[in-house]
C-alpha atoms as a PDB file:
ATOM      1  CA  UNK A   1       0.004   0.007   0.008  1.00  0.00           C
ATOM      2  CA  UNK A   2       1.263   3.471  -0.935  1.00  0.00           C
ATOM      3  CA  UNK A   3       0.534   6.387   1.406  1.00  0.00           C
ATOM      4  CA  UNK A   4       1.145  10.099   0.983  1.00  0.00           C
ATOM      5  CA  UNK A   5       3.210  11.435   3.868  1.00  0.00           C
ATOM      6  CA  UNK A   6       2.220  14.912   4.973  1.00  0.00           C
ATOM      7  CA  UNK A   7       5.301  15.537   7.038  1.00  0.00           C
ATOM      8  CA  UNK A   8       3.863  18.639   8.656  1.00  0.00           C
ATOM      9  CA  UNK A   9       1.068  16.660  10.381  1.00  0.00           C
ATOM     10  CA  UNK A  10       2.023  14.955  13.611  1.00  0.00           C
ATOM     11  CA  UNK A  11       0.928  11.357  14.109  1.00  0.00           C
ATOM     12  CA  UNK A  12      -0.686  10.558  17.452  1.00  0.00           C
ATOM     13  CA  UNK A  13       1.923   7.976  18.422  1.00  0.00           C
ATOM     14  CA  UNK A  14       5.000  10.026  17.493  1.00  0.00           C
ATOM     15  CA  UNK A  15       6.824  11.627  20.411  1.00  0.00           C
ATOM     16  CA  UNK A  16       9.072  14.108  18.545  1.00  0.00           C
ATOM     17  CA  UNK A  17      10.264  17.640  18.634  1.00  0.00           C
ATOM     18  CA  UNK A  18       8.367  19.523  15.963  1.00  0.00           C
ATOM     19  CA  UNK A  19       8.650  23.121  14.665  1.00  0.00           C
ATOM     20  CA  UNK A  20       6.481  24.722  11.978  1.00  0.00           C
ATOM     21  CA  UNK A  21       7.914  27.830  10.422  1.00  0.00           C
ATOM     22  CA  UNK A  22       7.343  30.393   7.730  1.00  0.00           C
ATOM     23  CA  UNK A  23       3.583  30.055   7.764  1.00  0.00           C
ATOM     24  CA  UNK A  24       3.684  26.251   7.817  1.00  0.00           C
ATOM     25  CA  UNK A  25       5.791  26.042   4.660  1.00  0.00           C
ATOM     26  CA  UNK A  26       8.890  24.608   6.375  1.00  0.00           C
ATOM     27  CA  UNK A  27       9.302  22.042   9.098  1.00  0.00           C
ATOM     28  CA  UNK A  28      12.128  20.891  11.312  1.00  0.00           C
ATOM     29  CA  UNK A  29      11.677  17.549  13.058  1.00  0.00           C
ATOM     30  CA  UNK A  30      13.895  15.407  15.275  1.00  0.00           C
ATOM     31  CA  UNK A  31      13.734  11.696  14.504  1.00  0.00           C
ATOM     32  CA  UNK A  32      14.696   9.004  17.058  1.00  0.00           C
ATOM     33  CA  UNK A  33      15.166   5.270  16.625  1.00  0.00           C
ATOM     34  CA  UNK A  34      12.822   4.479  19.526  1.00  0.00           C
ATOM     35  CA  UNK A  35       9.768   5.712  17.633  1.00  0.00           C
ATOM     36  CA  UNK A  36       7.142   3.282  16.425  1.00  0.00           C
ATOM     37  CA  UNK A  37       7.037   3.010  12.595  1.00  0.00           C
ATOM     38  CA  UNK A  38       9.086   6.129  11.868  1.00  0.00           C
ATOM     39  CA  UNK A  39       7.220   8.437   9.481  1.00  0.00           C
ATOM     40  CA  UNK A  40       4.774   5.579   8.840  1.00  0.00           C
ATOM     41  CA  UNK A  41       7.414   4.322   6.422  1.00  0.00           C
ATOM     42  CA  UNK A  42       8.479   1.037   7.985  1.00  0.00           C
ATOM     43  CA  UNK A  43       5.404  -1.000   7.327  1.00  0.00           C
ATOM     44  CA  UNK A  44       4.379   0.669   4.077  1.00  0.00           C
ATOM     45  CA  UNK A  45       5.933   2.773   1.331  1.00  0.00           C
ATOM     46  CA  UNK A  46       5.006   6.467   1.662  1.00  0.00           C
ATOM     47  CA  UNK A  47       5.247   9.479  -0.623  1.00  0.00           C
ATOM     48  CA  UNK A  48       6.714  12.725   0.685  1.00  0.00           C
ATOM     49  CA  UNK A  49       4.566  15.820   0.265  1.00  0.00           C
ATOM     50  CA  UNK A  50       7.571  18.126   0.743  1.00  0.00           C
ATOM     51  CA  UNK A  51      11.128  18.601  -0.383  1.00  0.00           C
ATOM     52  CA  UNK A  52      14.040  18.617   2.039  1.00  0.00           C
ATOM     53  CA  UNK A  53      16.802  16.667   3.639  1.00  0.00           C
ATOM     54  CA  UNK A  54      17.561  14.224   6.443  1.00  0.00           C
ATOM     55  CA  UNK A  55      20.843  14.429   8.334  1.00  0.00           C
ATOM     56  CA  UNK A  56      21.923  11.375  10.420  1.00  0.00           C
ATOM     57  CA  UNK A  57      23.387  12.452  13.754  1.00  0.00           C
ATOM     58  CA  UNK A  58      23.802   9.086  15.502  1.00  0.00           C
ATOM     59  CA  UNK A  59      23.204   5.412  14.702  1.00  0.00           C
ATOM     60  CA  UNK A  60      22.397   3.857  11.400  1.00  0.00           C
ATOM     61  CA  UNK A  61      19.417   3.614   9.037  1.00  0.00           C
ATOM     62  CA  UNK A  62      18.847   1.707   5.800  1.00  0.00           C
ATOM     63  CA  UNK A  63      16.196   3.124   3.579  1.00  0.00           C
ATOM     64  CA  UNK A  64      14.878   3.016   0.058  1.00  0.00           C
ATOM     65  CA  UNK A  65      14.266   6.309  -1.739  1.00  0.00           C
ATOM     66  CA  UNK A  66      12.551   5.982  -5.151  1.00  0.00           C
ATOM     67  CA  UNK A  67      13.477   2.292  -5.169  1.00  0.00           C
ATOM     68  CA  UNK A  68      17.185   2.924  -4.604  1.00  0.00           C
ATOM     69  CA  UNK A  69      18.609   1.628  -1.322  1.00  0.00           C
ATOM     70  CA  UNK A  70      20.891   3.806   0.870  1.00  0.00           C
ATOM     71  CA  UNK A  71      22.671   3.033   4.129  1.00  0.00           C
ATOM     72  CA  UNK A  72      23.123   6.099   6.323  1.00  0.00           C
ATOM     73  CA  UNK A  73      25.452   6.476   9.290  1.00  0.00           C
ATOM     74  CA  UNK A  74      26.556   9.454  11.412  1.00  0.00           C
ATOM     75  CA  UNK A  75      27.658  12.421   9.247  1.00  0.00           C
ATOM     76  CA  UNK A  76      25.638  11.434   6.195  1.00  0.00           C
ATOM     77  CA  UNK A  77      22.766  13.314   4.577  1.00  0.00           C
ATOM     78  CA  UNK A  78      20.112  12.606   1.927  1.00  0.00           C
ATOM     79  CA  UNK A  79      18.028  15.010  -0.098  1.00  0.00           C
ATOM     80  CA  UNK A  80      14.454  14.083  -0.955  1.00  0.00           C
ATOM     81  CA  UNK A  81      11.876  15.719  -3.212  1.00  0.00           C
ATOM     82  CA  UNK A  82       8.125  16.093  -3.291  1.00  0.00           C
ATOM     83  CA  UNK A  83       6.439  12.792  -4.271  1.00  0.00           C
ATOM     84  CA  UNK A  84       9.619  10.749  -3.676  1.00  0.00           C
ATOM     85  CA  UNK A  85       8.761   7.258  -2.398  1.00  0.00           C
ATOM     86  CA  UNK A  86      10.276   6.319   0.948  1.00  0.00           C
ATOM     87  CA  UNK A  87      10.588   2.954   2.661  1.00  0.00           C
ATOM     88  CA  UNK A  88      12.551   2.519   5.929  1.00  0.00           C
ATOM     89  CA  UNK A  89      14.053  -0.934   5.778  1.00  0.00           C
ATOM     90  CA  UNK A  90      15.866  -1.007   9.139  1.00  0.00           C
ATOM     91  CA  UNK A  91      17.475   1.224  11.741  1.00  0.00           C
ATOM     92  CA  UNK A  92      19.363   0.982  15.004  1.00  0.00           C
ATOM     93  CA  UNK A  93      17.700   1.885  18.316  1.00  0.00           C
ATOM     94  CA  UNK A  94      20.174   4.736  18.845  1.00  0.00           C
ATOM     95  CA  UNK A  95      19.254   6.430  15.606  1.00  0.00           C
ATOM     96  CA  UNK A  96      18.970  10.212  15.861  1.00  0.00           C
ATOM     97  CA  UNK A  97      18.578  12.638  13.018  1.00  0.00           C
ATOM     98  CA  UNK A  98      16.994  15.850  11.822  1.00  0.00           C
ATOM     99  CA  UNK A  99      14.395  15.973   9.085  1.00  0.00           C
ATOM    100  CA  UNK A 100      13.883  19.329   7.344  1.00  0.00           C
ATOM    101  CA  UNK A 101      11.124  19.779   4.842  1.00  0.00           C
ATOM    102  CA  UNK A 102       9.592  22.524   2.694  1.00  0.00           C
ATOM    103  CA  UNK A 103       7.456  22.731  -0.388  1.00  0.00           C
ATOM    104  CA  UNK A 104       9.245  22.595  -3.734  1.00  0.00           C
ATOM    105  CA  UNK A 105       8.097  26.114  -4.594  1.00  0.00           C
ATOM    106  CA  UNK A 106       9.965  27.488  -1.613  1.00  0.00           C
ATOM    107  CA  UNK A 107      13.303  25.816  -2.278  1.00  0.00           C
ATOM    108  CA  UNK A 108      13.473  26.013  -6.079  1.00  0.00           C
ATOM    109  CA  UNK A 109      13.737  29.826  -6.251  1.00  0.00           C
ATOM    110  CA  UNK A 110      16.674  29.584  -3.888  1.00  0.00           C
ATOM    111  CA  UNK A 111      18.330  26.987  -6.137  1.00  0.00           C
ATOM    112  CA  UNK A 112      18.000  29.414  -8.988  1.00  0.00           C
ATOM    113  CA  UNK A 113      20.058  31.947  -7.031  1.00  0.00           C
ATOM    114  CA  UNK A 114      23.141  29.733  -7.221  1.00  0.00           C
ATOM    115  CA  UNK A 115      22.501  27.497 -10.257  1.00  0.00           C
ATOM    116  CA  UNK A 116      20.068  26.879 -13.090  1.00  0.00           C
ATOM    117  CA  UNK A 117      16.974  24.748 -12.850  1.00  0.00           C
ATOM    118  CA  UNK A 118      19.001  21.651 -13.735  1.00  0.00           C
ATOM    119  CA  UNK A 119      20.395  21.675 -10.174  1.00  0.00           C
ATOM    120  CA  UNK A 120      17.062  20.188  -9.105  1.00  0.00           C
ATOM    121  CA  UNK A 121      17.642  17.124 -11.263  1.00  0.00           C
ATOM    122  CA  UNK A 122      21.310  16.831 -10.316  1.00  0.00           C
ATOM    123  CA  UNK A 123      20.384  16.437  -6.701  1.00  0.00           C
ATOM    124  CA  UNK A 124      17.605  13.952  -7.543  1.00  0.00           C
ATOM    125  CA  UNK A 125      20.142  11.923  -9.428  1.00  0.00           C
ATOM    126  CA  UNK A 126      22.554  11.579  -6.494  1.00  0.00           C
ATOM    127  CA  UNK A 127      20.725  12.467  -3.293  1.00  0.00           C
ATOM    128  CA  UNK A 128      22.974  10.701  -0.766  1.00  0.00           C
ATOM    129  CA  UNK A 129      26.252  12.097   0.515  1.00  0.00           C
ATOM    130  CA  UNK A 130      28.702  11.436   3.351  1.00  0.00           C
ATOM    131  CA  UNK A 131      29.945  14.720   4.760  1.00  0.00           C
ATOM    132  CA  UNK A 132      32.980  15.809   6.721  1.00  0.00           C
ATOM    133  CA  UNK A 133      32.880  16.687  10.422  1.00  0.00           C
ATOM    134  CA  UNK A 134      33.293  20.352   9.556  1.00  0.00           C
ATOM    135  CA  UNK A 135      30.350  20.245   7.131  1.00  0.00           C
ATOM    136  CA  UNK A 136      28.298  18.378   9.743  1.00  0.00           C
ATOM    137  CA  UNK A 137      29.086  21.056  12.395  1.00  0.00           C
ATOM    138  CA  UNK A 138      28.224  23.837   9.938  1.00  0.00           C
ATOM    139  CA  UNK A 139      24.848  22.229   9.157  1.00  0.00           C
ATOM    140  CA  UNK A 140      24.068  21.764  12.855  1.00  0.00           C
ATOM    141  CA  UNK A 141      24.888  25.415  13.582  1.00  0.00           C
ATOM    142  CA  UNK A 142      22.567  26.545  10.814  1.00  0.00           C
ATOM    143  CA  UNK A 143      19.776  24.291  12.018  1.00  0.00           C
ATOM    144  CA  UNK A 144      20.145  25.572  15.600  1.00  0.00           C
ATOM    145  CA  UNK A 145      20.055  29.174  14.500  1.00  0.00           C
ATOM    146  CA  UNK A 146      17.160  28.542  12.190  1.00  0.00           C
ATOM    147  CA  UNK A 147      15.159  26.822  14.911  1.00  0.00           C
ATOM    148  CA  UNK A 148      15.826  29.711  17.302  1.00  0.00           C
ATOM    149  CA  UNK A 149      14.890  32.377  14.720  1.00  0.00           C
ATOM    150  CA  UNK A 150      11.811  30.385  13.753  1.00  0.00           C
ATOM    151  CA  UNK A 151      10.509  30.519  17.329  1.00  0.00           C
ATOM    152  CA  UNK A 152      11.241  34.249  17.478  1.00  0.00           C
ATOM    153  CA  UNK A 153       9.424  34.783  14.169  1.00  0.00           C
ATOM    154  CA  UNK A 154       6.407  32.907  15.469  1.00  0.00           C
ATOM    155  CA  UNK A 155       6.367  35.000  18.692  1.00  0.00           C
ATOM    156  CA  UNK A 156       6.678  38.244  16.747  1.00  0.00           C
ATOM    157  CA  UNK A 157       3.836  37.174  14.516  1.00  0.00           C
ATOM    158  CA  UNK A 158       1.670  36.650  17.616  1.00  0.00           C
ATOM    159  CA  UNK A 159       2.828  39.953  19.067  1.00  0.00           C
ATOM    160  CA  UNK A 160       1.905  41.703  15.894  1.00  0.00           C
ATOM    161  CA  UNK A 161      -1.732  40.719  16.318  1.00  0.00           C
ATOM    162  CA  UNK A 162      -1.695  42.429  19.719  1.00  0.00           C
ATOM    163  CA  UNK A 163       0.727  45.369  19.185  1.00  0.00           C
ATOM    164  CA  UNK A 164       0.507  45.901  15.415  1.00  0.00           C
ATOM    165  CA  UNK A 165       4.322  46.215  15.330  1.00  0.00           C
ATOM    166  CA  UNK A 166       4.522  44.971  11.782  1.00  0.00           C
ATOM    167  CA  UNK A 167       8.135  46.080  11.082  1.00  0.00           C
ATOM    168  CA  UNK A 168       9.459  43.920  13.905  1.00  0.00           C
ATOM    169  CA  UNK A 169       7.476  40.885  12.711  1.00  0.00           C
ATOM    170  CA  UNK A 170       8.610  41.471   9.137  1.00  0.00           C
ATOM    171  CA  UNK A 171      12.253  41.634  10.190  1.00  0.00           C
ATOM    172  CA  UNK A 172      11.981  38.416  12.142  1.00  0.00           C
ATOM    173  CA  UNK A 173      10.381  36.708   9.149  1.00  0.00           C
ATOM    174  CA  UNK A 174      13.110  38.021   6.838  1.00  0.00           C
ATOM    175  CA  UNK A 175      15.792  36.728   9.187  1.00  0.00           C
ATOM    176  CA  UNK A 176      14.219  33.255   9.190  1.00  0.00           C
ATOM    177  CA  UNK A 177      14.000  33.330   5.365  1.00  0.00           C
ATOM    178  CA  UNK A 178      17.719  34.348   5.075  1.00  0.00           C
ATOM    179  CA  UNK A 179      18.754  31.602   7.472  1.00  0.00           C
ATOM    180  CA  UNK A 180      16.760  29.132   5.374  1.00  0.00           C
ATOM    181  CA  UNK A 181      18.538  30.266   2.311  1.00  0.00           C
ATOM    182  CA  UNK A 182      21.944  30.029   4.107  1.00  0.00           C
ATOM    183  CA  UNK A 183      21.107  26.462   5.159  1.00  0.00           C
ATOM    184  CA  UNK A 184      20.333  25.536   1.571  1.00  0.00           C
ATOM    185  CA  UNK A 185      23.670  26.946   0.463  1.00  0.00           C
ATOM    186  CA  UNK A 186      25.403  24.829   3.112  1.00  0.00           C
ATOM    187  CA  UNK A 187      23.632  21.754   1.819  1.00  0.00           C
ATOM    188  CA  UNK A 188      24.652  22.556  -1.784  1.00  0.00           C
ATOM    189  CA  UNK A 189      28.244  22.987  -0.590  1.00  0.00           C
ATOM    190  CA  UNK A 190      28.187  19.384   0.619  1.00  0.00           C
ATOM    191  CA  UNK A 191      27.362  18.248  -2.940  1.00  0.00           C
ATOM    192  CA  UNK A 192      29.634  20.690  -4.770  1.00  0.00           C
ATOM    193  CA  UNK A 193      32.468  18.257  -5.483  1.00  0.00           C
ATOM    194  CA  UNK A 194      30.440  15.139  -6.057  1.00  0.00           C
ATOM    195  CA  UNK A 195      30.676  13.436  -9.479  1.00  0.00           C
ATOM    196  CA  UNK A 196      27.081  13.440 -10.634  1.00  0.00           C
ATOM    197  CA  UNK A 197      27.461  11.314 -13.751  1.00  0.00           C
ATOM    198  CA  UNK A 198      27.723   8.104 -11.771  1.00  0.00           C
ATOM    199  CA  UNK A 199      24.156   6.886 -12.284  1.00  0.00           C
ATOM    200  CA  UNK A 200      21.587   7.419 -14.994  1.00  0.00           C
ATOM    201  CA  UNK A 201      18.571   9.693 -14.413  1.00  0.00           C
ATOM    202  CA  UNK A 202      15.233   7.957 -14.140  1.00  0.00           C
ATOM    203  CA  UNK A 203      12.946   8.076 -17.107  1.00  0.00           C
ATOM    204  CA  UNK A 204      10.352  10.110 -15.256  1.00  0.00           C
ATOM    205  CA  UNK A 205      12.919  12.706 -14.183  1.00  0.00           C
ATOM    206  CA  UNK A 206      14.129  12.898 -17.782  1.00  0.00           C
ATOM    207  CA  UNK A 207      10.543  13.618 -18.895  1.00  0.00           C
ATOM    208  CA  UNK A 208      10.186  16.422 -16.362  1.00  0.00           C
ATOM    209  CA  UNK A 209      13.617  17.944 -17.110  1.00  0.00           C
ATOM    210  CA  UNK A 210      13.001  17.941 -20.862  1.00  0.00           C
ATOM    211  CA  UNK A 211       9.524  19.435 -20.339  1.00  0.00           C
ATOM    212  CA  UNK A 212      10.800  22.282 -18.156  1.00  0.00           C
ATOM    213  CA  UNK A 213      13.658  22.984 -20.557  1.00  0.00           C
ATOM    214  CA  UNK A 214      11.352  23.064 -23.587  1.00  0.00           C
ATOM    215  CA  UNK A 215       8.690  25.036 -21.769  1.00  0.00           C
ATOM    216  CA  UNK A 216      10.971  27.971 -20.965  1.00  0.00           C
ATOM    217  CA  UNK A 217      11.882  28.215 -24.630  1.00  0.00           C
ATOM    218  CA  UNK A 218       8.534  27.459 -26.293  1.00  0.00           C
ATOM    219  CA  UNK A 219       5.788  28.671 -23.903  1.00  0.00           C
ATOM    220  CA  UNK A 220       5.061  31.773 -26.014  1.00  0.00           C
ATOM    221  CA  UNK A 221       4.251  29.785 -29.108  1.00  0.00           C
ATOM    222  CA  UNK A 222       3.210  26.422 -27.757  1.00  0.00           C
ATOM    223  CA  UNK A 223       0.314  26.509 -25.256  1.00  0.00           C
ATOM    224  CA  UNK A 224      -0.940  22.947 -25.535  1.00  0.00           C
ATOM    225  CA  UNK A 225       0.114  20.072 -23.292  1.00  0.00           C
ATOM    226  CA  UNK A 226      -0.088  17.759 -26.364  1.00  0.00           C
ATOM    227  CA  UNK A 227       2.821  19.593 -28.000  1.00  0.00           C
ATOM    228  CA  UNK A 228       5.210  18.853 -25.098  1.00  0.00           C
ATOM    229  CA  UNK A 229       3.936  15.320 -24.763  1.00  0.00           C
ATOM    230  CA  UNK A 230       4.479  14.674 -28.495  1.00  0.00           C
ATOM    231  CA  UNK A 231       8.048  15.885 -28.213  1.00  0.00           C
ATOM    232  CA  UNK A 232       8.707  12.917 -25.959  1.00  0.00           C
ATOM    233  CA  UNK A 233       6.499  10.467 -27.863  1.00  0.00           C
ATOM    234  CA  UNK A 234       4.065  10.204 -24.921  1.00  0.00           C
ATOM    235  CA  UNK A 235       0.328  10.454 -24.668  1.00  0.00           C
ATOM    236  CA  UNK A 236      -0.894  13.684 -23.067  1.00  0.00           C
ATOM    237  CA  UNK A 237      -2.478  11.732 -20.252  1.00  0.00           C
ATOM    238  CA  UNK A 238       0.605   9.782 -19.305  1.00  0.00           C
ATOM    239  CA  UNK A 239       2.865  12.801 -19.791  1.00  0.00           C
ATOM    240  CA  UNK A 240       0.634  14.937 -17.495  1.00  0.00           C
ATOM    241  CA  UNK A 241       0.670  12.195 -14.872  1.00  0.00           C
ATOM    242  CA  UNK A 242       4.472  12.078 -14.856  1.00  0.00           C
ATOM    243  CA  UNK A 243       4.922  15.850 -14.589  1.00  0.00           C
ATOM    244  CA  UNK A 244       2.316  16.060 -11.805  1.00  0.00           C
ATOM    245  CA  UNK A 245       3.966  13.197  -9.914  1.00  0.00           C
ATOM    246  CA  UNK A 246       7.501  14.541 -10.184  1.00  0.00           C
ATOM    247  CA  UNK A 247       6.892  18.249  -9.701  1.00  0.00           C
ATOM    248  CA  UNK A 248       3.569  18.528  -7.844  1.00  0.00           C
ATOM    249  CA  UNK A 249       2.147  20.729 -10.628  1.00  0.00           C
ATOM    250  CA  UNK A 250       0.353  19.741 -13.854  1.00  0.00           C
ATOM    251  CA  UNK A 251       1.788  20.749 -17.265  1.00  0.00           C
ATOM    252  CA  UNK A 252      -1.187  23.102 -17.691  1.00  0.00           C
ATOM    253  CA  UNK A 253      -0.249  24.916 -14.473  1.00  0.00           C
ATOM    254  CA  UNK A 254       3.373  25.257 -15.621  1.00  0.00           C
ATOM    255  CA  UNK A 255       2.279  26.602 -19.041  1.00  0.00           C
ATOM    256  CA  UNK A 256      -0.415  29.025 -17.811  1.00  0.00           C
ATOM    257  CA  UNK A 257       1.809  30.396 -15.080  1.00  0.00           C
ATOM    258  CA  UNK A 258       4.706  30.966 -17.514  1.00  0.00           C
ATOM    259  CA  UNK A 259       2.369  32.870 -19.842  1.00  0.00           C
ATOM    260  CA  UNK A 260       0.834  34.867 -16.996  1.00  0.00           C
ATOM    261  CA  UNK A 261       4.180  35.873 -15.522  1.00  0.00           C
ATOM    262  CA  UNK A 262       5.381  37.037 -18.958  1.00  0.00           C
ATOM    263  CA  UNK A 263       2.136  38.898 -19.642  1.00  0.00           C
ATOM    264  CA  UNK A 264       2.245  40.647 -16.278  1.00  0.00           C
ATOM    265  CA  UNK A 265       5.902  41.664 -16.801  1.00  0.00           C
ATOM    266  CA  UNK A 266       5.118  43.056 -20.251  1.00  0.00           C
ATOM    267  CA  UNK A 267       2.090  44.978 -18.993  1.00  0.00           C
ATOM    268  CA  UNK A 268       4.109  46.514 -16.137  1.00  0.00           C
ATOM    269  CA  UNK A 269       7.443  47.240 -17.802  1.00  0.00           C
ATOM    270  CA  UNK A 270       6.884  47.716 -21.526  1.00  0.00           C
ATOM    271  CA  UNK A 271       5.129  50.196 -23.760  1.00  0.00           C
ATOM    272  CA  UNK A 272       3.599  47.456 -25.857  1.00  0.00           C
ATOM    273  CA  UNK A 273      -0.125  47.659 -26.501  1.00  0.00           C
ATOM    274  CA  UNK A 274      -2.346  44.880 -25.160  1.00  0.00           C
ATOM    275  CA  UNK A 275      -2.844  43.670 -28.760  1.00  0.00           C
ATOM    276  CA  UNK A 276       0.929  43.519 -29.262  1.00  0.00           C
ATOM    277  CA  UNK A 277       1.339  41.501 -26.074  1.00  0.00           C
ATOM    278  CA  UNK A 278      -1.440  39.208 -27.134  1.00  0.00           C
ATOM    279  CA  UNK A 279       0.235  38.673 -30.527  1.00  0.00           C
ATOM    280  CA  UNK A 280       3.682  38.133 -28.914  1.00  0.00           C
ATOM    281  CA  UNK A 281       2.252  35.442 -26.645  1.00  0.00           C
ATOM    282  CA  UNK A 282       0.440  33.872 -29.653  1.00  0.00           C
ATOM    283  CA  UNK A 283      -3.095  34.160 -28.414  1.00  0.00           C
ATOM    284  CA  UNK A 284      -5.766  33.907 -31.154  1.00  0.00           C
ATOM    285  CA  UNK A 285      -6.811  37.544 -30.605  1.00  0.00           C
ATOM    286  CA  UNK A 286      -6.810  40.354 -28.094  1.00  0.00           C
ATOM    287  CA  UNK A 287     -10.343  39.514 -26.861  1.00  0.00           C
ATOM    288  CA  UNK A 288      -9.359  35.919 -26.101  1.00  0.00           C
ATOM    289  CA  UNK A 289      -6.211  37.120 -24.268  1.00  0.00           C
ATOM    290  CA  UNK A 290      -8.250  39.554 -22.204  1.00  0.00           C
ATOM    291  CA  UNK A 291     -10.751  36.897 -21.092  1.00  0.00           C
ATOM    292  CA  UNK A 292      -7.940  34.450 -20.315  1.00  0.00           C
ATOM    293  CA  UNK A 293      -6.044  37.010 -18.256  1.00  0.00           C
ATOM    294  CA  UNK A 294      -9.150  38.067 -16.371  1.00  0.00           C
ATOM    295  CA  UNK A 295     -10.131  34.507 -15.655  1.00  0.00           C
ATOM    296  CA  UNK A 296      -6.810  33.928 -13.925  1.00  0.00           C
ATOM    297  CA  UNK A 297      -6.473  37.233 -12.043  1.00  0.00           C
ATOM    298  CA  UNK A 298     -10.024  38.687 -11.902  1.00  0.00           C
ATOM    299  CA  UNK A 299      -8.606  41.760 -13.604  1.00  0.00           C
ATOM    300  CA  UNK A 300      -8.483  42.722 -17.248  1.00  0.00           C
ATOM    301  CA  UNK A 301      -5.067  43.500 -18.736  1.00  0.00           C
ATOM    302  CA  UNK A 302      -5.772  47.242 -18.761  1.00  0.00           C
ATOM    303  CA  UNK A 303      -6.832  47.331 -15.117  1.00  0.00           C
ATOM    304  CA  UNK A 304      -3.724  45.376 -14.197  1.00  0.00           C
ATOM    305  CA  UNK A 305      -1.531  47.856 -16.104  1.00  0.00           C
ATOM    306  CA  UNK A 306      -3.189  50.719 -14.199  1.00  0.00           C
ATOM    307  CA  UNK A 307      -1.992  49.127 -10.972  1.00  0.00           C
ATOM    308  CA  UNK A 308      -5.283  47.824  -9.608  1.00  0.00           C
ATOM    309  CA  UNK A 309      -4.805  44.971  -7.173  1.00  0.00           C
ATOM    310  CA  UNK A 310      -5.754  41.507  -8.311  1.00  0.00           C
ATOM    311  CA  UNK A 311      -8.030  39.681  -5.827  1.00  0.00           C
ATOM    312  CA  UNK A 312      -6.603  36.267  -6.852  1.00  0.00           C
ATOM    313  CA  UNK A 313      -3.608  34.636  -8.549  1.00  0.00           C
ATOM    314  CA  UNK A 314      -3.398  31.633 -10.851  1.00  0.00           C
ATOM    315  CA  UNK A 315      -0.887  29.974  -8.529  1.00  0.00           C
ATOM    316  CA  UNK A 316       0.686  30.504  -5.133  1.00  0.00           C
ATOM    317  CA  UNK A 317       3.312  33.247  -5.141  1.00  0.00           C
ATOM    318  CA  UNK A 318       6.133  30.773  -4.583  1.00  0.00           C
ATOM    319  CA  UNK A 319       5.370  28.799  -7.743  1.00  0.00           C
ATOM    320  CA  UNK A 320       5.063  32.064  -9.652  1.00  0.00           C
ATOM    321  CA  UNK A 321       8.529  32.982  -8.411  1.00  0.00           C
ATOM    322  CA  UNK A 322       9.863  29.611  -9.616  1.00  0.00           C
ATOM    323  CA  UNK A 323       8.554  30.411 -13.124  1.00  0.00           C
ATOM    324  CA  UNK A 324       9.913  33.971 -12.993  1.00  0.00           C
ATOM    325  CA  UNK A 325      13.359  32.890 -12.137  1.00  0.00           C
ATOM    326  CA  UNK A 326      13.283  30.177 -14.822  1.00  0.00           C
ATOM    327  CA  UNK A 327      12.274  32.692 -17.428  1.00  0.00           C
ATOM    328  CA  UNK A 328      14.988  35.072 -16.275  1.00  0.00           C
ATOM    329  CA  UNK A 329      17.603  32.373 -16.454  1.00  0.00           C
ATOM    330  CA  UNK A 330      16.621  31.217 -19.945  1.00  0.00           C
ATOM    331  CA  UNK A 331      16.412  34.842 -21.126  1.00  0.00           C
ATOM    332  CA  UNK A 332      20.013  35.441 -20.006  1.00  0.00           C
ATOM    333  CA  UNK A 333      21.316  32.301 -21.664  1.00  0.00           C
ATOM    334  CA  UNK A 334      19.598  33.159 -24.919  1.00  0.00           C
ATOM    335  CA  UNK A 335      21.074  36.685 -24.814  1.00  0.00           C
ATOM    336  CA  UNK A 336      24.533  35.224 -24.305  1.00  0.00           C
END
């Protein structure tokens, strides 16, 4: 039986330290070998709903991640991604470790700061790493600081409701975000010198990588899922299922958000007419573009250009940021 693991919900028989941070988008959890059926993943295979890492602090654990077996000991880490399949095969009673999780939309923009979107697939290809004592100590220091700042951010958020001291709450939140970013950089440092061509990428990850690469270069002219599916000789249904499974978003969501981000940028920062923008993005006509835009944002293109606030977005802001950074990256590489 396959179960979806919502890491941010605490099972009734777990006795663990648990911290929710950044509006429930990131979790830090201490794992111990004395738990019963750790993460519900000993008896059954589970799917992660978040992306993150596990660092082994003491003891040993053997686990299967996406059907590949890994044996972890002290000073080893493993990165996992949304919808990865986990099965804990065995562990020692003295096992201790820290599990950190966040949604993919939170971590991917940070990956774009230091690399291109292919970094996501590089880490999926070789998620396990044994680290040095210095790297281990650095990670522990970051986790400790992040936990402390998280608690402060939560306290300031509560204080804001009573005191309305928004600047203080905003600063605490920003500090927590920066520490999260710093932790990600530390994790990437651990993988910096690893030879990533040791094992082949899975077929499903190849499908997602090729789709994202093609999307960022073709979204203006190719709006149909069938086009991207045909490029990989797959049916639209099977292709959509793979993309949804490996990224958490459907191909239609990727395409529509890419188009919307581009349209919004053009409306804000260019002197192009709405018809010119519609033509550039290859919509059938200006009227169709206007209806499409309004359906996603509840504002017409002209109202958006005038600065009126949209009451809704097509996607969460984090996923929109993922698309924005991807478009920026491809734009720079094409210019070069």
